[in-house]
C-alpha atoms as a PDB file:
ATOM      1  CA  UNK A   1       4.844  -3.064 -20.660  1.00  0.00           C
ATOM      2  CA  UNK A   2       6.381  -6.324 -19.519  1.00  0.00           C
ATOM      3  CA  UNK A   3       5.434  -7.808 -16.170  1.00  0.00           C
ATOM      4  CA  UNK A   4       7.153 -11.172 -16.609  1.00  0.00           C
ATOM      5  CA  UNK A   5       8.289 -12.804 -13.377  1.00  0.00           C
ATOM      6  CA  UNK A   6      11.644 -14.576 -13.501  1.00  0.00           C
ATOM      7  CA  UNK A   7      12.397 -17.555 -11.263  1.00  0.00           C
ATOM      8  CA  UNK A   8       9.475 -17.206  -8.817  1.00  0.00           C
ATOM      9  CA  UNK A   9      10.805 -17.128  -5.276  1.00  0.00           C
ATOM     10  CA  UNK A  10      11.227 -14.959  -2.240  1.00  0.00           C
ATOM     11  CA  UNK A  11      12.617 -11.902  -4.050  1.00  0.00           C
ATOM     12  CA  UNK A  12      10.216 -12.090  -6.974  1.00  0.00           C
ATOM     13  CA  UNK A  13       7.308 -12.139  -4.506  1.00  0.00           C
ATOM     14  CA  UNK A  14       8.193  -8.520  -3.704  1.00  0.00           C
ATOM     15  CA  UNK A  15       8.622  -7.627  -7.403  1.00  0.00           C
ATOM     16  CA  UNK A  16       5.468  -8.822  -9.088  1.00  0.00           C
ATOM     17  CA  UNK A  17       2.422 -11.023  -9.192  1.00  0.00           C
ATOM     18  CA  UNK A  18       2.368 -14.776  -9.712  1.00  0.00           C
ATOM     19  CA  UNK A  19       1.110 -16.114 -13.030  1.00  0.00           C
ATOM     20  CA  UNK A  20      -2.064 -18.209 -12.660  1.00  0.00           C
ATOM     21  CA  UNK A  21      -0.625 -20.506 -15.353  1.00  0.00           C
ATOM     22  CA  UNK A  22       2.381 -21.405 -13.193  1.00  0.00           C
ATOM     23  CA  UNK A  23       2.515 -24.460 -10.937  1.00  0.00           C
ATOM     24  CA  UNK A  24       2.050 -23.384  -7.328  1.00  0.00           C
ATOM     25  CA  UNK A  25       3.308 -26.767  -6.130  1.00  0.00           C
ATOM     26  CA  UNK A  26       6.807 -25.919  -7.367  1.00  0.00           C
ATOM     27  CA  UNK A  27       7.076 -23.042  -4.884  1.00  0.00           C
ATOM     28  CA  UNK A  28       8.632 -23.526  -1.479  1.00  0.00           C
ATOM     29  CA  UNK A  29       6.454 -22.901   1.572  1.00  0.00           C
ATOM     30  CA  UNK A  30       7.807 -19.402   2.264  1.00  0.00           C
ATOM     31  CA  UNK A  31       7.304 -18.286  -1.346  1.00  0.00           C
ATOM     32  CA  UNK A  32       3.723 -19.563  -1.303  1.00  0.00           C
ATOM     33  CA  UNK A  33       2.949 -17.460   1.737  1.00  0.00           C
ATOM     34  CA  UNK A  34       4.761 -14.400   0.372  1.00  0.00           C
ATOM     35  CA  UNK A  35       2.746 -14.473  -2.835  1.00  0.00           C
ATOM     36  CA  UNK A  36      -0.447 -15.267  -0.903  1.00  0.00           C
ATOM     37  CA  UNK A  37       0.115 -12.251   1.338  1.00  0.00           C
ATOM     38  CA  UNK A  38       0.606 -10.050  -1.770  1.00  0.00           C
ATOM     39  CA  UNK A  39       4.110  -9.065  -0.724  1.00  0.00           C
ATOM     40  CA  UNK A  40       4.479  -6.960  -3.881  1.00  0.00           C
ATOM     41  CA  UNK A  41       2.242  -4.312  -2.282  1.00  0.00           C
ATOM     42  CA  UNK A  42       3.936  -4.412   1.145  1.00  0.00           C
ATOM     43  CA  UNK A  43       6.500  -1.985  -0.282  1.00  0.00           C
ATOM     44  CA  UNK A  44       4.094   0.889   0.409  1.00  0.00           C
ATOM     45  CA  UNK A  45       4.231   0.210   4.163  1.00  0.00           C
ATOM     46  CA  UNK A  46       8.012  -0.148   4.047  1.00  0.00           C
ATOM     47  CA  UNK A  47       8.331   3.193   2.270  1.00  0.00           C
ATOM     48  CA  UNK A  48       5.966   4.888   4.749  1.00  0.00           C
ATOM     49  CA  UNK A  49       8.148   3.640   7.629  1.00  0.00           C
ATOM     50  CA  UNK A  50      11.275   4.926   5.869  1.00  0.00           C
ATOM     51  CA  UNK A  51       9.732   8.363   5.411  1.00  0.00           C
ATOM     52  CA  UNK A  52       8.918   8.505   9.143  1.00  0.00           C
ATOM     53  CA  UNK A  53      12.465   7.373   9.965  1.00  0.00           C
ATOM     54  CA  UNK A  54      14.073  10.033   7.773  1.00  0.00           C
ATOM     55  CA  UNK A  55      11.928  12.731   9.360  1.00  0.00           C
ATOM     56  CA  UNK A  56      13.010  11.508  12.808  1.00  0.00           C
ATOM     57  CA  UNK A  57      16.649  11.665  11.705  1.00  0.00           C
ATOM     58  CA  UNK A  58      16.115  15.169  10.344  1.00  0.00           C
ATOM     59  CA  UNK A  59      14.737  16.185  13.750  1.00  0.00           C
ATOM     60  CA  UNK A  60      17.843  14.640  15.411  1.00  0.00           C
ATOM     61  CA  UNK A  61      15.657  12.132  17.284  1.00  0.00           C
ATOM     62  CA  UNK A  62      16.337   8.960  15.309  1.00  0.00           C
ATOM     63  CA  UNK A  63      16.570   5.680  17.211  1.00  0.00           C
ATOM     64  CA  UNK A  64      17.669   2.529  15.352  1.00  0.00           C
ATOM     65  CA  UNK A  65      15.751   0.106  17.584  1.00  0.00           C
ATOM     66  CA  UNK A  66      12.555   2.146  17.440  1.00  0.00           C
ATOM     67  CA  UNK A  67      12.790   2.446  13.665  1.00  0.00           C
ATOM     68  CA  UNK A  68      13.370  -1.301  13.221  1.00  0.00           C
ATOM     69  CA  UNK A  69      10.354  -2.115  15.403  1.00  0.00           C
ATOM     70  CA  UNK A  70       8.215   0.462  13.584  1.00  0.00           C
ATOM     71  CA  UNK A  71       9.256  -0.994  10.222  1.00  0.00           C
ATOM     72  CA  UNK A  72       8.338  -4.498  11.394  1.00  0.00           C
ATOM     73  CA  UNK A  73       5.083  -3.247  12.901  1.00  0.00           C
ATOM     74  CA  UNK A  74       3.977  -1.555   9.685  1.00  0.00           C
ATOM     75  CA  UNK A  75       4.744  -4.663   7.608  1.00  0.00           C
ATOM     76  CA  UNK A  76       2.951  -6.882  10.120  1.00  0.00           C
ATOM     77  CA  UNK A  77      -0.113  -4.621  10.109  1.00  0.00           C
ATOM     78  CA  UNK A  78      -0.230  -4.535   6.308  1.00  0.00           C
ATOM     79  CA  UNK A  79       0.217  -8.302   6.009  1.00  0.00           C
ATOM     80  CA  UNK A  80      -2.556  -8.777   8.551  1.00  0.00           C
ATOM     81  CA  UNK A  81      -4.806  -6.498   6.511  1.00  0.00           C
ATOM     82  CA  UNK A  82      -4.121  -8.409   3.277  1.00  0.00           C
ATOM     83  CA  UNK A  83      -4.740 -11.823   4.836  1.00  0.00           C
ATOM     84  CA  UNK A  84      -7.818 -10.590   6.696  1.00  0.00           C
ATOM     85  CA  UNK A  85      -9.276  -9.198   3.467  1.00  0.00           C
ATOM     86  CA  UNK A  86      -8.719 -12.558   1.785  1.00  0.00           C
ATOM     87  CA  UNK A  87     -10.245 -14.433   4.714  1.00  0.00           C
ATOM     88  CA  UNK A  88     -13.464 -12.392   4.738  1.00  0.00           C
ATOM     89  CA  UNK A  89     -13.787 -12.050   0.958  1.00  0.00           C
ATOM     90  CA  UNK A  90     -13.431 -15.822   0.623  1.00  0.00           C
ATOM     91  CA  UNK A  91     -15.962 -16.380   3.411  1.00  0.00           C
ATOM     92  CA  UNK A  92     -18.404 -14.030   1.648  1.00  0.00           C
ATOM     93  CA  UNK A  93     -18.004 -15.945  -1.591  1.00  0.00           C
ATOM     94  CA  UNK A  94     -16.354 -13.042  -3.427  1.00  0.00           C
ATOM     95  CA  UNK A  95     -13.034 -14.754  -4.172  1.00  0.00           C
ATOM     96  CA  UNK A  96     -14.235 -17.274  -6.749  1.00  0.00           C
ATOM     97  CA  UNK A  97     -12.311 -18.749  -9.697  1.00  0.00           C
ATOM     98  CA  UNK A  98     -13.589 -16.025 -12.016  1.00  0.00           C
ATOM     99  CA  UNK A  99     -12.771 -13.192  -9.582  1.00  0.00           C
ATOM    100  CA  UNK A 100      -9.905 -10.775 -10.356  1.00  0.00           C
ATOM    101  CA  UNK A 101      -8.224 -11.696  -7.064  1.00  0.00           C
ATOM    102  CA  UNK A 102      -7.553 -15.281  -8.139  1.00  0.00           C
ATOM    103  CA  UNK A 103      -6.394 -14.325 -11.608  1.00  0.00           C
ATOM    104  CA  UNK A 104      -3.385 -12.170 -10.714  1.00  0.00           C
ATOM    105  CA  UNK A 105      -1.732 -14.051  -7.849  1.00  0.00           C
ATOM    106  CA  UNK A 106      -2.041 -16.860  -5.314  1.00  0.00           C
ATOM    107  CA  UNK A 107      -4.888 -16.814  -2.796  1.00  0.00           C
ATOM    108  CA  UNK A 108      -4.144 -18.422   0.597  1.00  0.00           C
ATOM    109  CA  UNK A 109      -7.484 -20.266   0.705  1.00  0.00           C
ATOM    110  CA  UNK A 110      -8.716 -20.590  -2.879  1.00  0.00           C
ATOM    111  CA  UNK A 111      -5.260 -21.737  -4.037  1.00  0.00           C
ATOM    112  CA  UNK A 112      -5.249 -24.333  -1.232  1.00  0.00           C
ATOM    113  CA  UNK A 113      -2.149 -22.935   0.448  1.00  0.00           C
ATOM    114  CA  UNK A 114      -3.811 -23.247   3.834  1.00  0.00           C
ATOM    115  CA  UNK A 115      -7.135 -23.901   5.549  1.00  0.00           C
ATOM    116  CA  UNK A 116      -9.435 -21.272   7.043  1.00  0.00           C
ATOM    117  CA  UNK A 117      -8.450 -22.397  10.535  1.00  0.00           C
ATOM    118  CA  UNK A 118      -4.734 -22.192   9.739  1.00  0.00           C
ATOM    119  CA  UNK A 119      -5.145 -18.798   8.095  1.00  0.00           C
ATOM    120  CA  UNK A 120      -7.049 -17.515  11.122  1.00  0.00           C
ATOM    121  CA  UNK A 121      -4.232 -18.831  13.342  1.00  0.00           C
ATOM    122  CA  UNK A 122      -1.628 -17.067  11.188  1.00  0.00           C
ATOM    123  CA  UNK A 123      -3.605 -13.820  11.428  1.00  0.00           C
ATOM    124  CA  UNK A 124      -3.769 -14.185  15.214  1.00  0.00           C
ATOM    125  CA  UNK A 125       0.010 -14.700  15.390  1.00  0.00           C
ATOM    126  CA  UNK A 126       0.529 -11.527  13.341  1.00  0.00           C
ATOM    127  CA  UNK A 127      -1.921  -9.597  15.522  1.00  0.00           C
ATOM    128  CA  UNK A 128      -0.182 -10.815  18.686  1.00  0.00           C
ATOM    129  CA  UNK A 129       3.224  -9.800  17.281  1.00  0.00           C
ATOM    130  CA  UNK A 130       1.880  -6.363  16.411  1.00  0.00           C
ATOM    131  CA  UNK A 131       0.386  -5.979  19.880  1.00  0.00           C
ATOM    132  CA  UNK A 132       3.737  -6.832  21.471  1.00  0.00           C
ATOM    133  CA  UNK A 133       5.394  -4.043  19.476  1.00  0.00           C
ATOM    134  CA  UNK A 134       2.577  -1.634  20.309  1.00  0.00           C
ATOM    135  CA  UNK A 135       2.768  -2.620  23.978  1.00  0.00           C
ATOM    136  CA  UNK A 136       6.488  -1.907  24.061  1.00  0.00           C
ATOM    137  CA  UNK A 137       6.031   1.541  22.541  1.00  0.00           C
ATOM    138  CA  UNK A 138       3.173   2.258  24.938  1.00  0.00           C
ATOM    139  CA  UNK A 139       5.562   1.637  27.832  1.00  0.00           C
ATOM    140  CA  UNK A 140       8.158   3.886  26.166  1.00  0.00           C
ATOM    141  CA  UNK A 141       5.977   6.764  24.941  1.00  0.00           C
ATOM    142  CA  UNK A 142       2.649   6.490  26.743  1.00  0.00           C
ATOM    143  CA  UNK A 143      -0.980   5.912  25.887  1.00  0.00           C
ATOM    144  CA  UNK A 144      -1.053   7.964  22.684  1.00  0.00           C
ATOM    145  CA  UNK A 145       0.495   4.889  21.032  1.00  0.00           C
ATOM    146  CA  UNK A 146      -2.624   2.926  21.999  1.00  0.00           C
ATOM    147  CA  UNK A 147      -4.788   5.628  20.418  1.00  0.00           C
ATOM    148  CA  UNK A 148      -2.853   5.246  17.158  1.00  0.00           C
ATOM    149  CA  UNK A 149      -3.191   1.453  17.441  1.00  0.00           C
ATOM    150  CA  UNK A 150      -6.964   1.656  17.908  1.00  0.00           C
ATOM    151  CA  UNK A 151      -7.359   4.039  14.965  1.00  0.00           C
ATOM    152  CA  UNK A 152      -5.292   1.721  12.757  1.00  0.00           C
ATOM    153  CA  UNK A 153      -7.283  -1.336  13.884  1.00  0.00           C
ATOM    154  CA  UNK A 154     -10.546   0.484  13.174  1.00  0.00           C
ATOM    155  CA  UNK A 155      -9.421   1.248   9.625  1.00  0.00           C
ATOM    156  CA  UNK A 156      -8.300  -2.375   9.131  1.00  0.00           C
ATOM    157  CA  UNK A 157     -11.570  -3.875  10.345  1.00  0.00           C
ATOM    158  CA  UNK A 158     -13.880  -1.345   8.710  1.00  0.00           C
ATOM    159  CA  UNK A 159     -12.232  -1.767   5.310  1.00  0.00           C
ATOM    160  CA  UNK A 160     -13.460  -5.314   4.728  1.00  0.00           C
ATOM    161  CA  UNK A 161     -14.430  -7.138   7.932  1.00  0.00           C
ATOM    162  CA  UNK A 162     -17.490  -5.316   9.276  1.00  0.00           C
ATOM    163  CA  UNK A 163     -21.058  -5.874   7.975  1.00  0.00           C
ATOM    164  CA  UNK A 164     -20.899  -2.511   6.167  1.00  0.00           C
ATOM    165  CA  UNK A 165     -17.382  -1.943   4.895  1.00  0.00           C
ATOM    166  CA  UNK A 166     -15.568   1.163   3.706  1.00  0.00           C
ATOM    167  CA  UNK A 167     -14.796  -0.638   0.445  1.00  0.00           C
ATOM    168  CA  UNK A 168     -18.499  -1.207  -0.206  1.00  0.00           C
ATOM    169  CA  UNK A 169     -19.556   2.438   0.185  1.00  0.00           C
ATOM    170  CA  UNK A 170     -16.865   4.216  -1.848  1.00  0.00           C
ATOM    171  CA  UNK A 171     -14.648   5.158   1.097  1.00  0.00           C
ATOM    172  CA  UNK A 172     -11.982   2.457   0.860  1.00  0.00           C
ATOM    173  CA  UNK A 173      -9.831   4.493  -1.524  1.00  0.00           C
ATOM    174  CA  UNK A 174      -9.989   7.577   0.696  1.00  0.00           C
ATOM    175  CA  UNK A 175      -9.139   5.439   3.719  1.00  0.00           C
ATOM    176  CA  UNK A 176      -6.013   4.161   1.946  1.00  0.00           C
ATOM    177  CA  UNK A 177      -4.872   7.763   1.426  1.00  0.00           C
ATOM    178  CA  UNK A 178      -5.373   8.606   5.092  1.00  0.00           C
ATOM    179  CA  UNK A 179      -3.765   5.421   6.443  1.00  0.00           C
ATOM    180  CA  UNK A 180      -0.646   5.130   4.271  1.00  0.00           C
ATOM    181  CA  UNK A 181      -0.126   8.870   4.066  1.00  0.00           C
ATOM    182  CA  UNK A 182      -0.690  11.265   6.978  1.00  0.00           C
ATOM    183  CA  UNK A 183      -1.570   8.587   9.541  1.00  0.00           C
ATOM    184  CA  UNK A 184       1.347   6.178   9.105  1.00  0.00           C
ATOM    185  CA  UNK A 185       3.976   8.846   8.527  1.00  0.00           C
ATOM    186  CA  UNK A 186       2.731  11.091  11.331  1.00  0.00           C
ATOM    187  CA  UNK A 187       2.180   8.320  13.873  1.00  0.00           C
ATOM    188  CA  UNK A 188       5.398   6.609  12.784  1.00  0.00           C
ATOM    189  CA  UNK A 189       7.332   9.789  13.484  1.00  0.00           C
ATOM    190  CA  UNK A 190       5.787   9.958  16.950  1.00  0.00           C
ATOM    191  CA  UNK A 191       6.573   6.293  17.666  1.00  0.00           C
ATOM    192  CA  UNK A 192      10.241   6.811  16.783  1.00  0.00           C
ATOM    193  CA  UNK A 193      10.698  10.182  18.484  1.00  0.00           C
ATOM    194  CA  UNK A 194       8.035  10.347  21.196  1.00  0.00           C
ATOM    195  CA  UNK A 195       7.232  13.808  19.865  1.00  0.00           C
ATOM    196  CA  UNK A 196       4.025  14.855  18.105  1.00  0.00           C
ATOM    197  CA  UNK A 197       4.419  17.313  15.223  1.00  0.00           C
ATOM    198  CA  UNK A 198       2.229  18.561  12.376  1.00  0.00           C
ATOM    199  CA  UNK A 199       4.836  18.490   9.602  1.00  0.00           C
ATOM    200  CA  UNK A 200       5.146  14.653   9.376  1.00  0.00           C
ATOM    201  CA  UNK A 201       1.386  14.383   8.855  1.00  0.00           C
ATOM    202  CA  UNK A 202       1.610  16.977   6.064  1.00  0.00           C
ATOM    203  CA  UNK A 203       4.645  15.313   4.480  1.00  0.00           C
ATOM    204  CA  UNK A 204       2.646  12.087   4.388  1.00  0.00           C
ATOM    205  CA  UNK A 205       0.043  13.645   2.052  1.00  0.00           C
ATOM    206  CA  UNK A 206       1.809  13.220  -1.338  1.00  0.00           C
ATOM    207  CA  UNK A 207       2.778   9.648  -0.537  1.00  0.00           C
ATOM    208  CA  UNK A 208      -0.733   8.803   0.662  1.00  0.00           C
ATOM    209  CA  UNK A 209      -2.161  10.123  -2.598  1.00  0.00           C
ATOM    210  CA  UNK A 210       0.099   7.690  -4.445  1.00  0.00           C
ATOM    211  CA  UNK A 211      -1.271   4.765  -2.457  1.00  0.00           C
ATOM    212  CA  UNK A 212      -4.812   5.966  -3.167  1.00  0.00           C
ATOM    213  CA  UNK A 213      -3.997   6.015  -6.887  1.00  0.00           C
ATOM    214  CA  UNK A 214      -2.965   2.339  -6.701  1.00  0.00           C
ATOM    215  CA  UNK A 215      -6.275   1.317  -5.133  1.00  0.00           C
ATOM    216  CA  UNK A 216      -8.357   3.470  -7.484  1.00  0.00           C
ATOM    217  CA  UNK A 217      -6.549   1.823 -10.404  1.00  0.00           C
ATOM    218  CA  UNK A 218      -7.235  -1.633  -8.997  1.00  0.00           C
ATOM    219  CA  UNK A 219     -10.911  -0.930  -8.474  1.00  0.00           C
ATOM    220  CA  UNK A 220     -11.227   0.434 -12.022  1.00  0.00           C
ATOM    221  CA  UNK A 221      -9.775  -2.851 -13.277  1.00  0.00           C
ATOM    222  CA  UNK A 222     -12.348  -4.912 -11.412  1.00  0.00           C
ATOM    223  CA  UNK A 223     -15.299  -2.565 -11.818  1.00  0.00           C
ATOM    224  CA  UNK A 224     -17.496  -5.119 -13.608  1.00  0.00           C
ATOM    225  CA  UNK A 225     -16.847  -7.769 -11.001  1.00  0.00           C
ATOM    226  CA  UNK A 226     -17.502  -5.377  -8.111  1.00  0.00           C
ATOM    227  CA  UNK A 227     -20.789  -4.285  -9.690  1.00  0.00           C
ATOM    228  CA  UNK A 228     -21.824  -7.915  -9.965  1.00  0.00           C
ATOM    229  CA  UNK A 229     -21.344  -8.582  -6.243  1.00  0.00           C
ATOM    230  CA  UNK A 230     -22.832  -5.258  -5.131  1.00  0.00           C
ATOM    231  CA  UNK A 231     -19.501  -3.768  -4.096  1.00  0.00           C
ATOM    232  CA  UNK A 232     -19.828   0.007  -4.458  1.00  0.00           C
ATOM    233  CA  UNK A 233     -16.206   1.082  -4.726  1.00  0.00           C
ATOM    234  CA  UNK A 234     -15.439   4.641  -5.797  1.00  0.00           C
ATOM    235  CA  UNK A 235     -14.945   3.648  -9.483  1.00  0.00           C
ATOM    236  CA  UNK A 236     -18.269   1.775  -9.416  1.00  0.00           C
ATOM    237  CA  UNK A 237     -19.983   4.914  -8.121  1.00  0.00           C
ATOM    238  CA  UNK A 238     -18.223   7.289 -10.550  1.00  0.00           C
ATOM    239  CA  UNK A 239     -18.076   5.050 -13.588  1.00  0.00           C
ATOM    240  CA  UNK A 240     -14.980   3.826 -15.415  1.00  0.00           C
ATOM    241  CA  UNK A 241     -14.157   6.982 -17.415  1.00  0.00           C
ATOM    242  CA  UNK A 242     -14.631   9.424 -14.522  1.00  0.00           C
ATOM    243  CA  UNK A 243     -12.615   7.160 -12.225  1.00  0.00           C
ATOM    244  CA  UNK A 244      -9.706   7.146 -14.698  1.00  0.00           C
ATOM    245  CA  UNK A 245      -9.684  10.950 -14.795  1.00  0.00           C
ATOM    246  CA  UNK A 246      -9.964  11.071 -11.011  1.00  0.00           C
ATOM    247  CA  UNK A 247      -6.830   8.933 -10.836  1.00  0.00           C
ATOM    248  CA  UNK A 248      -5.035  11.290 -13.197  1.00  0.00           C
ATOM    249  CA  UNK A 249      -6.017  14.194 -10.899  1.00  0.00           C
ATOM    250  CA  UNK A 250      -4.796  12.288  -7.824  1.00  0.00           C
ATOM    251  CA  UNK A 251      -1.435  11.630  -9.462  1.00  0.00           C
ATOM    252  CA  UNK A 252      -1.117  15.263 -10.569  1.00  0.00           C
ATOM    253  CA  UNK A 253      -1.759  16.432  -7.004  1.00  0.00           C
ATOM    254  CA  UNK A 254       1.008  14.124  -5.723  1.00  0.00           C
ATOM    255  CA  UNK A 255       3.475  16.402  -7.495  1.00  0.00           C
ATOM    256  CA  UNK A 256       1.595  19.628  -6.785  1.00  0.00           C
ATOM    257  CA  UNK A 257       1.411  18.880  -3.041  1.00  0.00           C
ATOM    258  CA  UNK A 258       5.141  18.032  -3.009  1.00  0.00           C
ATOM    259  CA  UNK A 259       5.888  21.434  -4.528  1.00  0.00           C
ATOM    260  CA  UNK A 260       3.586  23.107  -1.977  1.00  0.00           C
ATOM    261  CA  UNK A 261       5.511  21.455   0.877  1.00  0.00           C
ATOM    262  CA  UNK A 262       8.738  22.915  -0.544  1.00  0.00           C
ATOM    263  CA  UNK A 263       7.174  26.340  -1.164  1.00  0.00           C
ATOM    264  CA  UNK A 264       6.054  26.626   2.466  1.00  0.00           C
ATOM    265  CA  UNK A 265       9.429  25.315   3.719  1.00  0.00           C
ATOM    266  CA  UNK A 266       7.858  22.217   5.272  1.00  0.00           C
ATOM    267  CA  UNK A 267      10.275  20.083   3.242  1.00  0.00           C
ATOM    268  CA  UNK A 268      13.608  20.900   1.626  1.00  0.00           C
ATOM    269  CA  UNK A 269      14.009  21.765  -2.047  1.00  0.00           C
ATOM    270  CA  UNK A 270      15.482  18.287  -2.601  1.00  0.00           C
ATOM    271  CA  UNK A 271      11.949  16.905  -2.414  1.00  0.00           C
ATOM    272  CA  UNK A 272      11.514  18.217  -5.953  1.00  0.00           C
ATOM    273  CA  UNK A 273      13.535  15.186  -7.057  1.00  0.00           C
ATOM    274  CA  UNK A 274      10.148  13.497  -7.432  1.00  0.00           C
ATOM    275  CA  UNK A 275       9.767  15.363 -10.726  1.00  0.00           C
ATOM    276  CA  UNK A 276      12.482  13.081 -12.123  1.00  0.00           C
ATOM    277  CA  UNK A 277       9.789  10.411 -12.071  1.00  0.00           C
ATOM    278  CA  UNK A 278       8.604  11.693 -15.451  1.00  0.00           C
ATOM    279  CA  UNK A 279       9.702   8.413 -17.076  1.00  0.00           C
ATOM    280  CA  UNK A 280       7.115   6.549 -15.023  1.00  0.00           C
ATOM    281  CA  UNK A 281       4.610   9.408 -14.925  1.00  0.00           C
ATOM    282  CA  UNK A 282       4.139   9.892 -18.679  1.00  0.00           C
ATOM    283  CA  UNK A 283       3.359   6.222 -19.496  1.00  0.00           C
ATOM    284  CA  UNK A 284       1.005   6.038 -16.508  1.00  0.00           C
ATOM    285  CA  UNK A 285      -0.945   9.118 -17.595  1.00  0.00           C
ATOM    286  CA  UNK A 286      -1.065   7.790 -21.150  1.00  0.00           C
ATOM    287  CA  UNK A 287      -2.479   4.454 -19.991  1.00  0.00           C
ATOM    288  CA  UNK A 288      -5.016   6.060 -17.658  1.00  0.00           C
ATOM    289  CA  UNK A 289      -6.252   8.373 -20.409  1.00  0.00           C
ATOM    290  CA  UNK A 290      -7.149   5.427 -22.642  1.00  0.00           C
ATOM    291  CA  UNK A 291      -9.583   2.564 -22.406  1.00  0.00           C
ATOM    292  CA  UNK A 292      -8.259  -0.763 -21.211  1.00  0.00           C
ATOM    293  CA  UNK A 293      -7.266  -3.256 -23.938  1.00  0.00           C
ATOM    294  CA  UNK A 294      -9.547  -6.248 -24.444  1.00  0.00           C
ATOM    295  CA  UNK A 295      -6.792  -8.645 -23.429  1.00  0.00           C
ATOM    296  CA  UNK A 296      -3.308  -8.738 -21.933  1.00  0.00           C
ATOM    297  CA  UNK A 297      -0.163  -8.204 -24.033  1.00  0.00           C
ATOM    298  CA  UNK A 298       2.111 -11.202 -24.556  1.00  0.00           C
ATOM    299  CA  UNK A 299       4.004 -12.121 -21.381  1.00  0.00           C
ATOM    300  CA  UNK A 300       1.858  -9.868 -19.180  1.00  0.00           C
ATOM    301  CA  UNK A 301       1.427 -11.206 -15.647  1.00  0.00           C
ATOM    302  CA  UNK A 302      -1.270  -9.781 -13.430  1.00  0.00           C
ATOM    303  CA  UNK A 303      -4.222  -9.477 -15.801  1.00  0.00           C
ATOM    304  CA  UNK A 304      -6.949  -8.239 -15.356  1.00  0.00           C
ATOM    305  CA  UNK A 305      -5.021  -5.613 -13.376  1.00  0.00           C
ATOM    306  CA  UNK A 306      -4.000  -2.956 -15.897  1.00  0.00           C
ATOM    307  CA  UNK A 307      -4.487   0.506 -14.416  1.00  0.00           C
ATOM    308  CA  UNK A 308      -3.443  -0.900 -11.059  1.00  0.00           C
ATOM    309  CA  UNK A 309      -0.121  -2.174 -12.390  1.00  0.00           C
ATOM    310  CA  UNK A 310       0.903   1.122 -13.962  1.00  0.00           C
ATOM    311  CA  UNK A 311      -0.228   3.060 -10.863  1.00  0.00           C
ATOM    312  CA  UNK A 312       1.747   0.674  -8.648  1.00  0.00           C
ATOM    313  CA  UNK A 313       4.902   1.054 -10.744  1.00  0.00           C
ATOM    314  CA  UNK A 314       4.526   4.841 -10.800  1.00  0.00           C
ATOM    315  CA  UNK A 315       4.006   5.109  -7.041  1.00  0.00           C
ATOM    316  CA  UNK A 316       6.905   2.774  -6.290  1.00  0.00           C
ATOM    317  CA  UNK A 317       9.334   5.005  -8.210  1.00  0.00           C
ATOM    318  CA  UNK A 318       7.721   8.164  -6.800  1.00  0.00           C
ATOM    319  CA  UNK A 319       8.170   6.738  -3.302  1.00  0.00           C
ATOM    320  CA  UNK A 320      11.874   6.023  -3.786  1.00  0.00           C
ATOM    321  CA  UNK A 321      12.492   9.515  -5.193  1.00  0.00           C
ATOM    322  CA  UNK A 322      10.426  11.015  -2.354  1.00  0.00           C
ATOM    323  CA  UNK A 323      12.541   9.120   0.168  1.00  0.00           C
ATOM    324  CA  UNK A 324      15.752  10.131  -1.614  1.00  0.00           C
ATOM    325  CA  UNK A 325      14.762  13.807  -1.616  1.00  0.00           C
ATOM    326  CA  UNK A 326      13.875  13.725   2.082  1.00  0.00           C
ATOM    327  CA  UNK A 327      17.106  11.852   2.906  1.00  0.00           C
ATOM    328  CA  UNK A 328      19.337  14.287   1.017  1.00  0.00           C
ATOM    329  CA  UNK A 329      17.576  17.186   2.701  1.00  0.00           C
ATOM    330  CA  UNK A 330      18.026  15.570   6.138  1.00  0.00           C
ATOM    331  CA  UNK A 331      21.757  14.950   5.559  1.00  0.00           C
ATOM    332  CA  UNK A 332      22.281  18.415   4.111  1.00  0.00           C
ATOM    333  CA  UNK A 333      20.585  19.968   7.150  1.00  0.00           C
ATOM    334  CA  UNK A 334      22.719  17.901   9.536  1.00  0.00           C
ATOM    335  CA  UNK A 335      25.945  19.209   7.999  1.00  0.00           C
ATOM    336  CA  UNK A 336      24.918  22.837   7.608  1.00  0.00           C
END
């Protein structure tokens, strides 16, 4: 499994992690920030926005401007979450040189990309931009948009910023399922269409499970570190072996729930295209069923993330096939 990053730059920031052996000074300013913000994981918010957009198109209520603003809003919110997590984890003393966070990519503060004051200012700019988008949609669709905004903000703050965080009591992984699955797809559909419906929330379930699998994998990888700082993530509570089998069950239910959506006619039969993801599924299940190697393979970038990397790759391909299946179904419906 090769995770080599070629010619680090803007595009590669969305493809993989940055090797800790590489010279950060050789990166341009934009690339430094993209890697610092963990742009590789922003794809999950982009895919969630696309799913909401396709569902709006299928309902014949698609609006290009609304979709573009939603897409930007989701990416802004996710970037804010990543930078906020780094800000508070650094302030708490969690992001040290020996921490997993600093070993798989650039950290905005620990890698000396910026100062705490500058990072806080950047976060405020992102928050202000997100509020402008939310304010616009509130004027267009009404106060339910503000309710969605408040729920999203509560999840963001409670994950890592409050005195007792969701991540520290084994609820962070479940929160990721709710946020990037039913919540973002369902609320995104409403923001584009101005119409509230149950089916988008249900269609968000398989995708949300995929995002949960990524976070479970990551927390398995850093289980020893989290134990050392008193961070009770779900894998810490369950133990490494049980957490690996939980992740296998989560991934299995991604496919089972997709089939259920088709069976109950909530989604078209084209959604079953996700089963073509077998080429990513089989290696992922094989890796999750085995203990982690003692060290990284040659050329591997991102260590100590191992289960996280395979879960991320699997979910990325699942997401594209999920989007493709929904899109084909939407187009087929439009021409029938």
